[in-house]
Structure formats: C-alpha cells, structure tokens
Amino acid sequence: MPDFHVEIDVQQLRPRGETACGDVFQSSIIREEGRTILVLSDGIGHGIKASVLATLTATMALKYAQLHTKPEIAARIIMETLPKGTEKESYATFTIIELEDDGKVRIVNYDNPPVLIIRNGISMQGREYELDIRGDENTGKRLLCREFTARKEDRILFMSDGVTQSGLGDQRYPLGWGMDSVEDFVISQVTRMPGISATKLARKIVNQASLNDDFSVKDDTTCGVMYFREPRKFMLITGPPFYKIKDYDFVGRVQGFNGKKIICGGTTAEIIARELNLSVEIQHGNKNIDTLPPSATMEGFEMVTEGILTLGKVEEILENYNSDTRLGDTPPEEVVKLLLQHDSIDIIVGTRINWAHQDPEQPIELELRKFVIKRIVRILIHKFFKKVKIEYV
C-alpha cells in the first residue's frame, strides 16, 4: 500500500449579493472498501436555482458512485432527472473523482474544466477515454474518463468554470483566464513552493480568479486540490488508563510515539510527568475563553491542556470550521490547529472515570470523554479526510 496521505481542500467564492453558491462539493469516505469519492457540480447560472440543480446533481452522482454504478448510466439518469427550463437545457455539470487506498484514481468529467494532474512540476494527462451516454437527447454530450495511479507529491486540481472564465472580456483575458493560463499559474506556484498545502494552493487559485474579475467574481468560483504527500503523525492523549497498574505501560506507549504529541487532561499529564520524571509548567499568560484553565508546557509535548471542557470546545470549533474561519491562540484553538496540520492521528483515551464530571447538575458539555472524542473523530475523518486511530486504555 502507498505510504502517503491525501490532503484535500476546496475553496469557493460566489458573486456579490448571492446568498447561495451555485457550485456544490460533496464527498464520501467508504472505509470498508478503501475508497474516497469527491464530487463537484456546477449548476447553470448562479444563485438559488443553480445551487438546487448542483445539489441534486452532486447528491445523485455521489450516491451512484458509492453503489459502483457505471458513470455513463449515472450520467444518463442524472440528465433525465434534472428539471428542464423553457429552452430544455437546465442542467448542471459534474466532476467525480474516485480514489482507492492503493492509489488508483478515476476521474469522470462532464462539462467542467479539465482536471489538472501535476507530477514532478509538469502537467500529466493519464489514460483518457470517452464514455457513451445513451439516448437521442444526449447526442453530442461528452463524458470523459481518466485513470492513473497516484504517487507521492502528485497533485490533482478540479474546478468550476468560474476559475477558467474569470477575467472574461477584460483587456488582459478577453476570452477568460483559460485552462492554459491556470495550468501555468499552478505549475509556477508548485515550482516556487514545492510543499505548498492543498488549502493554500486552492486559495491562491480562487484569489487569482477574483483578481482577474477586479476582486468581484462574476460567477460561482470553486477550486479543489488533492495533494499526495508524506503523512504527518500526531498523538492526542486524554484521560488516565482504567487500571492504575497500567500507568507504566501507558506512558511507555506515549513515549515511544514518533511524532508530535499533546495531552488534554490534568490527571493524565500528572501521571505522564510522574512516570517520566518531568515537570509541568503552567502558562499564565495564555488568552482563555470563559473559565477554561490555561495551558501548560511539558518537555516532549507540544502543549498540555485541561481535558473535557477543552475537548468539547475543540469539537465545536471543528464542527463549525470553514474556509473563512480564523483561529486564535486559546488552548482549544491551538489544539484544532495541531489536528488540522497533521494527517495520521492517534488518539489514546483513558477510561478511568473522573467523578467530578458525574454531577447531574453539571452542563451537558461535561459529557463523558469518550463520546466527545467519538464526535471529534467523526468530524476529522469525514470533514477533514484525516486518518484517525482511536485506542481505549
């Protein structure tokens, strides 16, 4: 199996005054099959109507891909399902990217700009063929399919025509920015910054599209980036082990981890500090929210925070996180930053009960640690495409 992590991010802009984006991105991770499916759909026009068409298309495309339906059959059903306008051409485009754990990639594209595959600083085509969509009403419609096996440091970029048509009518780009110019821009960014993240590259592309339109995009503009790279490993430890006799083994497991580590929980930190003969230094200058205790430092760990309250806030931030979120420097926000910066995340959950959290008069945020962790894990996997392993001790 390839030893890489797939970092995925999608950035979007919509025309000024529009409340809904006419480009819709959806995804699904099917762990038991080792498959990740991404779908981008662009509804014709913009605003609410475009958003409804794109949502319907993306939802159907994702469901058919999950069921292994042949793309040409799925495309025909989608096209027959979409409502027709007075000109009988009310439709939405779509791009479907299927990635298997062994690195095999299949890209199915209908009427969106071509998907860019960047390898070793140049654009790569991959094996491409055309699929036939049955039905007289589909004559002339092209469904293109590309397949290849991804390698470490490859990038896949998919986008709506808001990117390629940005600047349309301007003296510099009378026919729009165009695919060739987008490709040159991407290659120049990757050449200049070989380790540029998926988020940063996608943001640079949509920002340049906005610049082409004098900082006010005329159409919904979306760019997604998949970056196949070396995984960054991280461990979050929270809660002491159920049996006190296991403290030594528990600390040995933590000490032997090769990657960055944080501790969420005062009792947990005390056990690790005792076993490793380390000291915990409280950071009194921290900015905190509400009544959260300040974080602390301990040699060999990125940070030490309070436990259940901090984790509850971490879950809330991750749940509401989007491309406009700007993180501060409170302990929960620092934990979120570390989680998002890493790809392969080990979470060790101690199951010893802290009786301070069993008071029925305490607020609901003081739910048992393991349930808060389960929510965090679900968000990290399905929203941020992280590989997460959870271990109860």
Protein backbone atom coordinates (compact mmCIF):
# COMPACT_ATOMS: atom_id res chain seq x y z
CA MET A 1 0.00 0.00 0.00
CA PRO A 2 1.33 3.50 -0.80
CA ASP A 3 2.64 5.37 2.22
CA PHE A 4 1.08 8.75 1.57
CA HIS A 5 -1.60 10.97 2.99
CA VAL A 6 -4.09 12.69 0.69
CA GLU A 7 -4.60 16.27 1.79
CA ILE A 8 -7.84 17.62 0.31
CA ASP A 9 -9.27 21.12 0.41
CA VAL A 10 -11.88 23.08 -1.56
CA GLN A 11 -12.11 26.88 -1.70
CA GLN A 12 -15.12 28.78 -3.05
CA LEU A 13 -16.23 32.33 -3.87
CA ARG A 14 -19.67 33.43 -5.01
CA PRO A 15 -20.80 36.59 -6.80
CA ARG A 16 -21.52 39.57 -4.59
CA GLY A 17 -25.12 39.65 -3.42
CA GLU A 18 -25.76 35.91 -3.82
CA THR A 19 -26.80 34.04 -0.68
CA ALA A 20 -26.21 30.55 -2.12
CA CYS A 21 -23.31 29.15 -4.09
CA GLY A 22 -24.19 27.53 -7.42
CA ASP A 23 -21.16 25.22 -7.12
CA VAL A 24 -21.64 22.28 -4.75
CA PHE A 25 -18.92 19.97 -3.39
CA GLN A 26 -19.76 16.68 -1.68
CA SER A 27 -17.61 13.77 -0.54
CA SER A 28 -17.78 10.32 0.98
CA ILE A 29 -15.24 8.02 2.60
CA ILE A 30 -16.10 4.31 2.43
CA ARG A 31 -13.60 2.86 4.87
CA GLU A 32 -14.59 -0.80 4.45
CA GLU A 33 -13.91 -0.54 0.70
CA GLY A 34 -10.88 1.73 0.97
CA ARG A 35 -12.48 4.34 -1.30
CA THR A 36 -12.78 8.12 -1.20
CA ILE A 37 -15.25 9.82 -3.55
CA LEU A 38 -15.31 13.54 -4.35
CA VAL A 39 -17.96 15.30 -6.44
CA LEU A 40 -18.06 18.88 -7.71
CA SER A 41 -21.17 20.09 -9.53
CA ASP A 42 -21.78 23.49 -11.12
CA GLY A 43 -25.45 24.44 -11.65
CA ILE A 44 -26.16 26.54 -14.72
CA GLY A 45 -26.31 30.26 -13.90
CA HIS A 46 -25.89 31.24 -10.26
CA GLY A 47 -27.89 31.80 -7.08
CA ILE A 48 -30.58 29.60 -5.54
CA LYS A 49 -31.66 27.87 -8.75
CA ALA A 50 -28.08 26.93 -9.63
CA SER A 51 -27.47 25.73 -6.07
CA VAL A 52 -30.55 23.46 -6.17
CA LEU A 53 -29.53 21.95 -9.53
CA ALA A 54 -25.94 21.44 -8.38
CA THR A 55 -27.01 19.92 -5.04
CA LEU A 56 -29.34 17.48 -6.79
CA THR A 57 -26.62 16.52 -9.28
CA ALA A 58 -23.86 16.16 -6.68
CA THR A 59 -26.06 14.09 -4.37
CA MET A 60 -27.08 11.70 -7.15
CA ALA A 61 -23.55 11.43 -8.57
CA LEU A 62 -22.15 10.64 -5.12
CA LYS A 63 -24.79 8.01 -4.41
CA TYR A 64 -24.32 6.28 -7.78
CA ALA A 65 -20.53 6.30 -7.32
CA GLN A 66 -20.96 4.73 -3.87
CA LEU A 67 -23.06 1.97 -5.48
CA HIS A 68 -20.45 1.35 -8.24
CA THR A 69 -22.92 2.38 -10.96
CA LYS A 70 -21.28 2.81 -14.36
CA PRO A 71 -20.60 6.55 -14.91
CA GLU A 72 -22.39 6.64 -18.28
CA ILE A 73 -25.54 5.12 -16.72
CA ALA A 74 -25.40 7.51 -13.75
CA ALA A 75 -24.92 10.45 -16.12
CA ARG A 76 -27.95 9.48 -18.20
CA ILE A 77 -30.17 9.13 -15.11
CA ILE A 78 -28.95 12.47 -13.74
CA MET A 79 -29.62 14.24 -17.03
CA GLU A 80 -33.11 12.71 -17.26
CA THR A 81 -33.86 13.72 -13.66
CA LEU A 82 -32.79 17.37 -13.79
CA PRO A 83 -35.69 19.76 -14.46
CA LYS A 84 -35.73 21.29 -17.93
CA GLY A 85 -36.23 25.01 -18.47
CA THR A 86 -38.03 26.72 -21.34
CA GLU A 87 -35.01 26.10 -23.57
CA LYS A 88 -34.84 22.49 -22.34
CA GLU A 89 -31.25 22.95 -21.25
CA SER A 90 -31.46 23.46 -17.49
CA TYR A 91 -28.61 21.31 -16.24
CA ALA A 92 -25.55 21.01 -14.01
CA THR A 93 -22.04 19.85 -14.79
CA PHE A 94 -20.15 17.40 -12.61
CA THR A 95 -16.70 16.02 -11.85
CA ILE A 96 -16.40 12.73 -9.95
CA ILE A 97 -13.04 11.67 -8.51
CA GLU A 98 -12.73 8.18 -7.05
CA LEU A 99 -9.58 7.32 -5.09
CA GLU A 100 -8.72 3.85 -3.81
CA ASP A 101 -6.33 3.17 -0.95
CA ASP A 102 -3.80 1.61 -3.35
CA GLY A 103 -3.51 4.95 -5.16
CA LYS A 104 -5.70 4.18 -8.19
CA VAL A 105 -7.61 7.26 -9.34
CA ARG A 106 -10.55 7.52 -11.73
CA ILE A 107 -11.80 10.94 -12.85
CA VAL A 108 -15.15 11.30 -14.64
CA ASN A 109 -15.84 14.76 -16.04
CA TYR A 110 -18.92 16.20 -17.69
CA ASP A 111 -18.68 19.81 -18.92
CA ASN A 112 -16.46 21.09 -16.08
CA PRO A 113 -12.95 22.38 -16.95
CA PRO A 114 -10.40 19.57 -17.40
CA VAL A 115 -8.88 18.18 -14.20
CA LEU A 116 -5.18 19.02 -13.79
CA ILE A 117 -2.76 16.30 -12.69
CA ILE A 118 0.61 17.76 -11.66
CA ARG A 119 3.60 15.42 -11.29
CA ASN A 120 7.25 16.48 -10.98
CA GLY A 121 6.33 20.07 -11.76
CA ILE A 122 4.58 19.35 -15.08
CA SER A 123 1.05 18.51 -16.18
CA MET A 124 0.32 14.82 -16.75
CA GLN A 125 -2.52 13.51 -18.90
CA GLY A 126 -3.16 9.96 -17.68
CA ARG A 127 -5.15 7.43 -19.71
CA GLU A 128 -8.25 9.17 -21.10
CA TYR A 129 -11.27 7.77 -22.94
CA GLU A 130 -14.81 8.86 -23.75
CA LEU A 131 -17.89 7.15 -22.36
CA ASP A 132 -21.07 6.94 -24.44
CA ILE A 133 -24.24 8.36 -22.86
CA ARG A 134 -27.25 6.62 -24.38
CA GLY A 135 -30.35 8.45 -25.55
CA ASP A 136 -31.03 10.74 -28.53
CA GLU A 137 -31.27 13.76 -26.24
CA ASN A 138 -27.67 13.09 -25.12
CA THR A 139 -26.16 13.05 -28.61
CA GLY A 140 -23.01 15.16 -28.67
CA LYS A 141 -22.60 15.25 -24.88
CA ARG A 142 -19.09 14.16 -23.87
CA LEU A 143 -18.38 12.20 -20.71
CA LEU A 144 -14.61 11.93 -20.30
CA CYS A 145 -12.88 9.43 -18.05
CA ARG A 146 -9.23 9.42 -16.97
CA GLU A 147 -7.39 6.83 -14.92
CA PHE A 148 -3.93 6.73 -13.35
CA THR A 149 -2.10 5.60 -10.22
CA ALA A 150 -1.11 8.42 -7.89
CA ARG A 151 2.39 8.82 -6.48
CA LYS A 152 3.73 10.77 -3.56
CA GLU A 153 3.91 14.55 -4.32
CA ASP A 154 1.25 14.33 -7.06
CA ARG A 155 -1.49 16.96 -7.09
CA ILE A 156 -4.96 16.79 -8.61
CA LEU A 157 -6.83 20.05 -9.21
CA PHE A 158 -10.51 20.22 -10.11
CA MET A 159 -12.51 23.41 -10.63
CA SER A 160 -15.65 25.06 -11.94
CA ASP A 161 -15.66 27.35 -14.97
CA GLY A 162 -15.75 30.35 -12.65
CA VAL A 163 -11.97 29.87 -12.49
CA THR A 164 -11.23 29.41 -16.19
CA GLN A 165 -13.69 32.10 -17.32
CA SER A 166 -12.57 34.70 -14.80
CA GLY A 167 -11.47 37.95 -16.42
CA LEU A 168 -13.75 37.32 -19.42
CA GLY A 169 -14.00 40.46 -21.54
CA ASP A 170 -11.06 42.14 -19.81
CA GLN A 171 -8.27 43.53 -21.97
CA ARG A 172 -5.80 41.07 -20.44
CA TYR A 173 -8.07 38.00 -20.76
CA PRO A 174 -10.69 38.77 -23.46
CA LEU A 175 -11.64 35.07 -23.61
CA GLY A 176 -11.20 34.44 -19.89
CA TRP A 177 -8.22 33.22 -17.87
CA GLY A 178 -8.32 29.89 -19.72
CA MET A 179 -7.07 26.42 -18.86
CA ASP A 180 -3.56 27.00 -20.23
CA SER A 181 -3.05 30.06 -18.03
CA VAL A 182 -4.45 28.25 -14.99
CA GLU A 183 -2.02 25.39 -15.63
CA ASP A 184 0.94 27.80 -15.95
CA PHE A 185 -0.12 29.53 -12.73
CA VAL A 186 -0.37 26.22 -10.82
CA ILE A 187 2.99 24.97 -12.07
CA SER A 188 4.68 28.27 -11.15
CA GLN A 189 3.24 28.08 -7.60
CA VAL A 190 4.29 24.43 -7.12
CA THR A 191 7.77 25.14 -8.55
CA ARG A 192 8.23 28.13 -6.24
CA MET A 193 6.78 26.36 -3.18
CA PRO A 194 7.17 22.56 -3.62
CA GLY A 195 5.48 21.84 -0.28
CA ILE A 196 2.52 24.20 -0.75
CA SER A 197 -0.55 22.80 1.00
CA ALA A 198 -3.81 21.91 -0.71
CA THR A 199 -5.55 24.72 1.18
CA LYS A 200 -3.02 27.37 0.22
CA LEU A 201 -2.88 26.36 -3.45
CA ALA A 202 -6.68 26.23 -3.80
CA ARG A 203 -6.97 29.63 -2.08
CA LYS A 204 -4.33 31.15 -4.36
CA ILE A 205 -6.22 29.98 -7.44
CA VAL A 206 -9.62 31.36 -6.39
CA ASN A 207 -7.97 34.59 -5.21
CA GLN A 208 -6.29 34.99 -8.61
CA ALA A 209 -9.65 34.34 -10.31
CA SER A 210 -11.14 37.08 -8.12
CA LEU A 211 -8.29 39.41 -9.05
CA ASN A 212 -8.98 38.71 -12.74
CA ASP A 213 -12.56 39.92 -12.11
CA ASP A 214 -11.43 43.07 -10.25
CA PHE A 215 -11.98 41.37 -6.86
CA SER A 216 -15.66 40.64 -7.53
CA VAL A 217 -16.22 37.27 -9.23
CA LYS A 218 -18.96 37.23 -11.86
CA ASP A 219 -19.72 33.52 -11.48
CA ASP A 220 -19.51 30.93 -8.71
CA THR A 221 -15.83 30.04 -8.44
CA THR A 222 -14.56 26.78 -6.93
CA CYS A 223 -11.18 25.07 -6.85
CA GLY A 224 -10.35 21.80 -5.13
CA VAL A 225 -6.87 20.36 -4.61
CA MET A 226 -5.75 16.85 -3.69
CA TYR A 227 -2.11 16.66 -2.52
CA PHE A 228 -0.49 13.23 -2.07
CA ARG A 229 2.31 13.67 0.44
CA GLU A 230 4.28 12.25 3.34
CA PRO A 231 1.91 11.80 6.32
CA ARG A 232 2.45 13.96 9.38
CA LYS A 233 1.91 11.96 12.56
CA PHE A 234 0.27 13.25 15.72
CA MET A 235 -0.95 11.87 19.04
CA LEU A 236 -3.60 13.23 21.39
CA ILE A 237 -3.71 11.69 24.86
CA THR A 238 -6.66 12.26 27.16
CA GLY A 239 -7.66 10.54 30.36
CA PRO A 240 -5.76 8.15 32.63
CA PRO A 241 -5.87 4.38 31.96
CA PHE A 242 -8.67 2.43 33.64
CA TYR A 243 -6.29 0.40 35.84
CA LYS A 244 -3.65 2.33 37.78
CA ILE A 245 -1.32 -0.65 37.40
CA LYS A 246 -1.26 0.10 33.66
CA ASP A 247 0.16 3.60 34.10
CA TYR A 248 3.73 2.49 33.28
CA ASP A 249 2.74 0.70 30.06
CA PHE A 250 0.50 3.61 29.10
CA VAL A 251 3.35 6.11 29.46
CA GLY A 252 5.73 3.81 27.53
CA ARG A 253 3.26 3.74 24.61
CA VAL A 254 3.13 7.55 24.62
CA GLN A 255 6.91 7.97 24.97
CA GLY A 256 7.59 5.62 22.05
CA PHE A 257 5.39 7.55 19.60
CA ASN A 258 7.35 9.11 16.72
CA GLY A 259 5.55 12.39 16.11
CA LYS A 260 4.11 15.44 17.83
CA LYS A 261 2.04 14.88 20.98
CA ILE A 262 -0.37 16.80 23.20
CA ILE A 263 -2.11 15.95 26.47
CA CYS A 264 -5.68 17.00 27.23
CA GLY A 265 -6.30 16.44 30.91
CA GLY A 266 -4.58 17.45 34.15
CA THR A 267 -4.63 13.99 35.75
CA THR A 268 -3.25 12.44 32.56
CA ALA A 269 -0.42 14.99 32.49
CA GLU A 270 0.38 14.30 36.16
CA ILE A 271 0.70 10.55 35.50
CA ILE A 272 3.00 11.06 32.50
CA ALA A 273 5.08 13.68 34.34
CA ARG A 274 5.45 11.35 37.35
CA GLU A 275 6.47 8.32 35.28
CA LEU A 276 8.93 10.29 33.12
CA ASN A 277 10.19 12.48 35.98
CA LEU A 278 9.18 15.68 34.17
CA SER A 279 7.68 18.94 35.37
CA VAL A 280 4.54 20.69 34.13
CA GLU A 281 4.84 24.47 33.73
CA ILE A 282 1.59 26.47 33.68
CA GLN A 283 1.43 29.22 31.01
CA HIS A 284 -0.23 32.03 32.97
CA GLY A 285 -0.09 34.48 30.05
CA ASN A 286 -2.50 32.45 27.90
CA LYS A 287 -5.64 34.01 26.47
CA ASN A 288 -8.53 31.81 27.53
CA ILE A 289 -12.23 31.64 26.82
CA ASP A 290 -14.81 31.61 29.59
CA THR A 291 -13.33 29.81 32.57
CA LEU A 292 -11.02 27.37 30.78
CA PRO A 293 -7.78 26.83 32.72
CA PRO A 294 -4.57 27.99 31.00
CA SER A 295 -2.49 25.53 29.03
CA ALA A 296 0.84 24.23 30.24
CA THR A 297 4.12 23.03 28.81
CA MET A 298 5.99 19.78 29.39
CA GLU A 299 9.18 18.56 27.75
CA GLY A 300 8.46 16.35 24.73
CA PHE A 301 4.88 17.59 24.26
CA GLU A 302 3.52 20.44 22.15
CA MET A 303 1.13 21.50 24.88
CA VAL A 304 -0.87 20.34 27.90
CA THR A 305 -4.47 21.48 28.35
CA GLU A 306 -7.46 20.84 30.58
CA GLY A 307 -9.46 17.81 29.47
CA ILE A 308 -13.19 17.50 28.84
CA LEU A 309 -14.09 21.21 28.62
CA THR A 310 -11.28 21.88 26.15
CA LEU A 311 -12.20 18.85 24.03
CA GLY A 312 -15.84 19.95 23.97
CA LYS A 313 -14.76 23.33 22.62
CA VAL A 314 -12.42 21.63 20.09
CA GLU A 315 -15.39 19.59 18.79
CA GLU A 316 -17.49 22.77 18.45
CA ILE A 317 -14.76 24.62 16.51
CA LEU A 318 -14.19 21.66 14.14
CA GLU A 319 -17.94 21.28 13.54
CA ASN A 320 -18.30 24.92 12.50
CA TYR A 321 -14.96 25.24 10.72
CA ASN A 322 -14.96 26.55 7.14
CA SER A 323 -12.64 28.37 4.74
CA ASP A 324 -13.42 31.70 6.43
CA THR A 325 -12.51 30.51 9.94
CA ARG A 326 -9.56 32.28 11.53
CA LEU A 327 -8.15 30.58 14.62
CA GLY A 328 -6.83 32.48 17.62
CA ASP A 329 -4.48 31.31 20.34
CA THR A 330 -6.76 29.94 23.07
CA PRO A 331 -5.97 26.34 24.13
CA PRO A 332 -8.88 24.77 22.14
CA GLU A 333 -7.92 26.74 19.03
CA GLU A 334 -4.28 25.68 19.39
CA VAL A 335 -5.43 22.04 19.64
CA VAL A 336 -7.53 22.47 16.48
CA LYS A 337 -4.53 23.95 14.63
CA LEU A 338 -2.42 20.93 15.54
CA LEU A 339 -5.14 18.48 14.50
CA LEU A 340 -5.57 20.18 11.12
CA GLN A 341 -1.81 20.36 10.49
CA HIS A 342 -1.43 16.59 10.82
CA ASP A 343 -2.78 13.66 8.84
CA SER A 344 -2.27 10.40 10.71
CA ILE A 345 -3.73 10.97 14.17
CA ASP A 346 -3.54 8.51 17.07
CA ILE A 347 -5.90 9.23 19.96
CA ILE A 348 -5.40 7.42 23.24
CA VAL A 349 -8.42 7.62 25.52
CA GLY A 350 -8.08 6.66 29.15
CA THR A 351 -11.31 5.23 30.54
CA ARG A 352 -10.82 5.88 34.25
CA ILE A 353 -13.88 7.86 35.42
CA ASN A 354 -13.34 11.35 36.73
CA TRP A 355 -16.08 11.61 39.33
CA ALA A 356 -16.03 15.41 39.12
CA HIS A 357 -17.86 15.06 35.79
CA GLN A 358 -20.68 12.85 37.07
CA ASP A 359 -22.68 15.59 38.84
CA PRO A 360 -26.10 15.68 37.14
CA GLU A 361 -26.26 19.43 37.77
CA GLN A 362 -23.21 20.00 35.56
CA PRO A 363 -23.91 21.32 31.99
CA ILE A 364 -24.27 18.87 29.09
CA GLU A 365 -20.78 19.80 27.82
CA LEU A 366 -19.42 17.67 30.64
CA GLU A 367 -20.49 14.52 28.82
CA LEU A 368 -18.25 11.52 29.18
CA ARG A 369 -14.90 11.95 27.46
CA LYS A 370 -15.26 9.05 25.07
CA PHE A 371 -18.43 10.45 23.47
CA VAL A 372 -16.82 13.83 22.85
CA ILE A 373 -13.82 12.06 21.32
CA LYS A 374 -16.09 9.98 19.05
CA ARG A 375 -17.64 13.19 17.68
CA ILE A 376 -14.20 14.71 17.10
CA VAL A 377 -13.03 11.55 15.31
CA ARG A 378 -16.12 11.53 13.05
CA ILE A 379 -15.51 15.15 12.01
CA LEU A 380 -11.77 14.62 11.44
CA ILE A 381 -12.43 11.62 9.17
CA HIS A 382 -15.43 12.79 7.16
CA LYS A 383 -14.88 16.56 7.02
CA PHE A 384 -11.09 16.81 7.00
CA PHE A 385 -10.11 13.43 5.47
CA LYS A 386 -7.77 12.54 8.33
CA LYS A 387 -6.66 9.01 9.13
CA VAL A 388 -7.58 8.54 12.77
CA LYS A 389 -6.91 5.60 15.05
CA ILE A 390 -8.52 5.55 18.46
CA GLU A 391 -7.36 3.35 21.33
CA TYR A 392 -9.11 2.93 24.69
CA VAL A 393 -6.97 2.04 27.70
